[in-house]
Protein backbone atom coordinates (compact mmCIF):
# COMPACT_ATOMS: atom_id res chain seq x y z
CA MET A 1 160.17 28.55 221.82
CA ALA A 2 162.17 31.09 223.90
CA ARG A 3 162.28 34.61 222.56
CA ASN A 4 165.71 35.91 221.72
CA PRO A 5 166.35 38.61 224.38
CA ARG A 6 168.47 40.57 221.90
CA ALA A 7 165.74 40.56 219.23
CA VAL A 8 164.19 43.96 218.56
CA ASP A 9 160.36 44.21 218.51
CA PRO A 10 159.72 46.63 215.59
CA MET A 11 156.50 47.94 217.15
CA ARG A 12 158.26 48.71 220.42
CA ALA A 13 160.98 50.40 218.43
CA ALA A 14 158.36 52.54 216.69
CA MET A 15 156.79 53.53 220.03
CA ALA A 16 160.16 54.32 221.64
CA ARG A 17 161.29 56.74 218.95
CA SER A 18 160.52 60.44 219.24
CA GLY A 19 158.09 62.07 216.81
CA PRO A 20 155.19 60.50 214.80
CA LEU A 21 155.66 57.50 212.60
CA ASP A 22 154.57 57.97 208.97
CA TRP A 23 152.12 55.09 208.77
CA GLY A 24 151.60 55.79 205.07
CA ASN A 25 154.98 54.13 204.55
CA LEU A 26 153.51 50.84 205.84
CA LEU A 27 151.49 50.52 202.69
CA PHE A 28 154.63 50.44 200.55
CA PHE A 29 156.39 48.16 203.06
CA LEU A 30 153.50 45.65 202.99
CA GLU A 31 153.31 45.57 199.20
CA LEU A 32 157.05 44.98 198.89
CA SER A 33 156.92 42.28 201.61
CA ARG A 34 154.18 40.46 199.61
CA SER A 35 155.57 40.79 196.16
CA GLY A 36 159.36 40.62 196.85
CA SER A 37 159.90 42.92 193.89
CA LEU A 38 160.11 46.74 193.57
CA ALA A 39 158.69 46.55 190.08
CA ARG A 40 155.72 44.41 191.07
CA ALA A 41 155.01 46.47 194.19
CA ALA A 42 155.22 49.65 192.14
CA LYS A 43 152.74 48.31 189.49
CA ARG A 44 150.20 47.24 192.09
CA LEU A 45 150.41 50.63 193.86
CA GLY A 46 150.43 52.68 190.66
CA VAL A 47 153.73 54.44 191.36
CA ASP A 48 157.27 54.07 190.09
CA ARG A 49 159.76 51.68 191.72
CA ASN A 50 161.90 54.53 193.10
CA THR A 51 158.96 55.69 195.14
CA VAL A 52 158.55 52.24 196.67
CA GLY A 53 162.22 52.07 197.49
CA ARG A 54 162.27 55.59 198.96
CA ARG A 55 159.21 54.97 201.21
CA VAL A 56 160.48 51.65 202.52
CA ALA A 57 163.94 53.23 203.19
CA ALA A 58 162.20 56.01 205.06
CA LEU A 59 160.34 53.47 207.24
CA GLU A 60 163.57 51.66 207.99
CA GLU A 61 165.17 54.92 209.01
CA GLU A 62 162.19 55.86 211.19
CA LEU A 63 162.36 52.50 213.01
CA GLY A 64 166.09 52.18 213.00
CA LEU A 65 165.74 48.64 211.76
CA PRO A 66 166.65 46.80 208.56
CA LEU A 67 163.42 45.37 207.22
CA PHE A 68 164.65 43.75 204.01
CA GLU A 69 167.59 41.82 202.60
CA ARG A 70 168.24 42.11 198.87
CA GLY A 71 169.12 38.78 197.32
CA PRO A 72 169.16 37.04 193.89
CA GLN A 73 165.47 36.05 194.37
CA GLY A 74 164.35 39.59 195.18
CA TRP A 75 163.57 41.41 198.43
CA ALA A 76 163.25 39.12 201.45
CA CYS A 77 162.03 40.34 204.87
CA THR A 78 164.46 40.24 207.79
CA ALA A 79 163.18 38.78 211.06
CA ALA A 80 162.12 42.32 212.13
CA GLY A 81 160.48 42.78 208.78
CA GLU A 82 158.46 39.60 209.07
CA GLU A 83 157.23 40.51 212.56
CA LEU A 84 156.28 44.05 211.33
CA ALA A 85 154.50 42.59 208.25
CA ALA A 86 152.35 40.42 210.50
CA LEU A 87 151.45 43.32 212.71
CA ALA A 88 150.84 45.75 209.83
CA SER A 89 148.63 43.18 208.05
CA ARG A 90 146.34 43.07 211.08
CA VAL A 91 146.20 46.86 211.10
CA GLU A 92 145.41 46.85 207.37
CA GLU A 93 142.57 44.30 207.87
CA ASP A 94 141.00 46.53 210.54
CA VAL A 95 141.29 49.65 208.38
CA LEU A 96 139.68 47.85 205.42
CA ALA A 97 136.89 46.45 207.62
CA ILE A 98 136.17 50.01 208.82
CA ALA A 99 136.11 51.26 205.20
CA ARG A 100 133.76 48.48 204.13
CA HIS A 101 131.50 49.23 207.06
CA ALA A 102 131.40 52.89 206.11
CA ASP A 103 130.64 51.93 202.51
CA ALA A 104 127.81 49.68 203.65
CA ARG A 105 126.11 52.56 205.38
CA ASP A 106 126.37 54.78 202.30
CA ARG A 107 122.84 54.95 200.82
CA THR A 108 123.63 57.08 197.74
CA PRO A 109 124.43 55.39 194.41
CA ALA A 110 127.49 57.51 193.70
CA GLY A 111 131.12 56.64 193.12
CA THR A 112 133.33 55.19 190.41
CA VAL A 113 131.09 52.91 188.39
CA PRO A 114 129.18 52.52 185.10
CA SER A 115 127.84 54.20 182.03
CA LEU A 116 124.49 53.91 183.77
CA ARG A 117 124.97 57.63 183.80
CA ALA A 118 121.61 58.17 182.16
CA ARG A 119 120.03 56.38 185.16
CA HIS A 120 122.58 57.38 187.85
CA PRO A 121 124.45 60.52 186.58
CA ARG A 122 126.92 60.50 189.49
CA LEU A 123 128.29 57.02 188.59
CA LEU A 124 131.46 56.52 186.60
CA LEU A 125 132.61 53.10 185.28
CA ASP A 126 136.25 52.36 186.12
CA VAL A 127 137.25 49.06 184.41
CA SER A 128 140.60 47.44 184.72
CA ALA A 129 141.30 44.43 182.44
CA ASP A 130 144.26 42.49 183.78
CA PHE A 131 145.39 38.86 184.05
CA ARG A 132 146.14 39.27 187.77
CA ASN A 133 143.33 38.75 190.23
CA TYR A 134 142.45 41.97 192.01
CA ASP A 135 142.09 41.53 195.78
CA LEU A 136 138.57 42.63 196.67
CA THR A 137 139.26 42.17 200.43
CA ARG A 138 141.91 44.85 200.13
CA ARG A 139 139.58 47.16 198.19
CA GLU A 140 141.55 46.97 194.93
CA ALA A 141 138.13 46.77 193.31
CA ASP A 142 134.49 46.79 194.42
CA LEU A 143 133.60 43.75 192.25
CA ALA A 144 135.25 41.48 189.65
CA LEU A 145 134.38 39.21 186.71
CA ARG A 146 136.44 36.05 186.41
CA LEU A 147 136.48 32.96 184.23
CA GLY A 148 136.37 29.76 186.24
CA ARG A 149 134.83 29.16 189.69
CA PRO A 150 136.62 31.33 192.27
CA SER A 151 137.68 30.09 195.64
CA ASP A 152 138.41 33.43 197.40
CA ALA A 153 137.43 33.44 201.05
CA GLY A 154 135.07 36.11 202.27
CA LEU A 155 133.67 36.85 198.79
CA VAL A 156 130.17 36.24 197.38
CA ALA A 157 130.39 34.54 193.97
CA ARG A 158 127.63 33.98 191.47
CA LYS A 159 127.81 32.35 188.03
CA LEU A 160 126.65 34.67 185.22
CA ALA A 161 126.99 32.70 182.05
CA SER A 162 129.08 30.23 180.03
CA VAL A 163 131.60 31.70 177.58
CA ALA A 164 132.25 29.64 174.45
CA TYR A 165 135.58 29.61 172.56
CA GLY A 166 136.45 28.50 169.02
CA ILE A 167 139.50 28.38 166.74
CA TYR A 168 139.50 31.25 164.31
CA ALA A 169 141.64 32.45 161.41
CA SER A 170 141.56 34.62 158.34
CA PRO A 171 139.54 33.39 155.34
CA ALA A 172 142.77 32.92 153.35
CA PHE A 173 144.34 30.83 156.17
CA ALA A 174 141.13 28.75 156.38
CA ALA A 175 140.90 28.23 152.61
CA GLU A 176 144.52 26.90 152.44
CA ARG A 177 143.55 24.31 155.05
CA ARG A 178 140.09 23.59 153.69
CA GLY A 179 138.56 25.06 156.78
CA ARG A 180 140.11 22.59 159.26
CA MET A 181 142.75 23.24 161.91
CA ASP A 182 145.49 20.83 162.86
CA LEU A 183 146.87 22.03 166.16
CA ALA A 184 149.93 19.82 165.96
CA ARG A 185 150.95 21.07 162.51
CA ASP A 186 149.43 24.45 161.67
CA PRO A 187 150.83 27.72 163.12
CA VAL A 188 148.94 28.93 166.22
CA LEU A 189 148.65 32.29 167.93
CA ALA A 190 148.98 31.86 171.70
CA TYR A 191 148.22 33.57 174.94
CA GLU A 192 151.18 34.81 176.83
CA GLY A 193 151.78 32.72 179.91
CA ALA A 194 151.11 29.08 180.36
CA THR A 195 148.57 29.67 183.15
CA SER A 196 145.69 30.67 180.82
CA PRO A 197 143.08 27.86 180.47
CA GLN A 198 143.26 28.08 176.64
CA GLU A 199 147.03 27.42 176.76
CA ARG A 200 146.56 24.51 179.15
CA TRP A 201 143.99 23.02 176.83
CA MET A 202 146.32 23.35 173.78
CA ASP A 203 149.20 21.92 175.88
CA ASP A 204 147.18 18.78 176.48
CA LEU A 205 146.32 18.35 172.77
CA ALA A 206 149.47 19.56 171.07
CA PRO A 207 152.44 20.18 173.40
CA ALA A 208 154.84 20.54 170.47
CA ARG A 209 152.63 22.95 168.45
CA ALA A 210 154.23 25.68 166.37
CA VAL A 211 153.55 29.09 168.02
CA ALA A 212 153.86 32.00 165.51
CA PHE A 213 152.86 34.86 167.81
CA ARG A 214 152.13 35.50 171.53
CA CYS A 215 150.28 38.28 173.34
CA ASN A 216 148.15 38.68 176.43
CA THR A 217 144.73 39.83 175.21
CA SER A 218 142.01 38.32 173.04
CA LEU A 219 141.68 41.51 171.05
CA ALA A 220 145.39 41.44 170.09
CA LEU A 221 145.15 37.74 169.15
CA ALA A 222 142.09 38.49 166.97
CA ALA A 223 144.03 41.31 165.22
CA ALA A 224 147.02 38.90 164.58
CA ALA A 225 144.64 36.22 163.24
CA ARG A 226 143.19 38.64 160.71
CA THR A 227 146.69 39.02 159.20
CA GLY A 228 146.75 35.33 158.23
CA ILE A 229 149.85 34.32 160.15
CA GLY A 230 148.08 31.65 162.23
CA ALA A 231 144.91 30.54 164.05
CA ALA A 232 143.86 31.59 167.54
CA VAL A 233 141.57 30.29 170.22
CA LEU A 234 139.17 33.19 170.78
CA PRO A 235 135.92 33.87 172.63
CA CYS A 236 133.04 33.43 170.26
CA PHE A 237 131.65 36.83 171.25
CA VAL A 238 134.88 38.43 170.04
CA ALA A 239 135.23 36.64 166.73
CA ASP A 240 131.72 35.69 165.61
CA GLY A 241 130.37 38.31 163.23
CA ASP A 242 133.84 39.57 162.29
CA PRO A 243 134.01 39.28 158.51
CA ALA A 244 137.82 39.01 158.67
CA LEU A 245 137.68 35.84 160.80
CA VAL A 246 136.14 32.42 160.22
CA ARG A 247 135.72 29.55 162.67
CA LEU A 248 137.74 26.44 161.78
CA ASP A 249 136.66 22.83 162.16
CA GLY A 250 138.88 20.69 164.44
CA PRO A 251 139.11 20.24 168.20
CA GLU A 252 136.56 22.26 170.06
CA PRO A 253 137.91 24.40 172.95
CA PRO A 254 136.04 24.01 176.23
CA SER A 255 133.80 26.77 177.43
CA TYR A 256 134.42 28.62 180.66
CA ASP A 257 132.01 29.91 183.23
CA LEU A 258 131.91 33.66 183.89
CA TRP A 259 131.57 34.52 187.63
CA LEU A 260 130.75 37.75 189.42
CA LEU A 261 132.57 38.34 192.70
CA VAL A 262 131.83 40.97 195.34
CA HIS A 263 132.77 41.29 199.00
CA GLY A 264 129.90 40.31 201.23
CA ASP A 265 130.06 43.63 203.13
CA LEU A 266 129.55 45.60 199.86
CA ARG A 267 127.01 43.69 197.87
CA ARG A 268 124.10 45.86 199.10
CA VAL A 269 125.94 49.19 198.84
CA PRO A 270 123.84 51.25 196.39
CA ARG A 271 126.65 51.98 193.88
CA VAL A 272 127.73 48.40 193.87
CA ARG A 273 124.24 47.07 193.65
CA ALA A 274 123.57 49.38 190.68
CA VAL A 275 126.62 47.98 188.85
CA ILE A 276 125.61 44.41 189.66
CA GLU A 277 122.14 44.96 188.21
CA TRP A 278 123.63 46.60 185.14
CA VAL A 279 126.10 43.68 184.62
CA ASP A 280 123.18 41.23 184.92
CA GLY A 281 121.30 43.12 182.22
CA VAL A 282 124.27 43.19 179.88
CA VAL A 283 124.92 39.44 180.29
CA ASP A 284 121.23 38.61 179.78
CA ASP A 285 121.22 40.57 176.52
CA ALA A 286 124.39 38.86 175.32
CA ARG A 287 123.77 35.35 176.58
CA GLU A 288 123.49 33.74 173.09
CA LEU A 289 126.53 35.65 171.90
CA LEU A 290 128.54 34.55 174.89
CA ALA A 291 127.44 30.93 174.33
CA GLY A 292 128.49 31.07 170.67
CA THR A 293 124.96 30.29 169.42
CA ARG A 294 124.23 33.58 167.70
């Protein structure tokens, strides 16, 4: 395909301008190009949406090119923006590869990791519980725990354990129904978003179920179940042993495998290795609890 002679190459435009280009703005540009939303880009970057808009506008001014068009579906890259995004992504991959290489040469178990502090006092555990999958190739995290077999390229994945689920409710709720749950008739407490495996399972069994409450964490669902307003599908390790919850008879939710993910370049880094060993120990100690047999 012939190249439009009037098209402007954004990298040539950057080189032709006088003065240094603020490459830090590329980070904000890339996130907005990927998410198409100021709010989503801001959340992923840990800043407010005005900062994202300001940094992208600064990059457009530096290059003298419009990089986005604002439409009803969000922010879409212009032709120049798409070309710059492809070039900047390659730069980002190289920078991340350099960072991983540097980490792999670090022989000291220090960094942001666990409460192994008695064993490694320079380690600090930084845990983020979120429904979105953190991108380990972009160093959003050193390692991740996920339910269900992952398919991420470039990552080392290992199954840790099976996590059992059950249907739980308050003792009063259970007594009214003689200890048995009817998903098609009784009020249920649901996970927010139809993408969760528990919601997909209930959709198959009772698509017209009566939902009394929605939220996005198991702990919030457990708290709602204690009030007696409905029954919830909960991990057994969360609900078993809670005197304010009882497991109901009825359809049995499937269990889900818990997987550990780490980038191949980082799995032998001392601080990451220390966390992996700690996670293995925690899972081994809790294996029966996770399986719902204790």
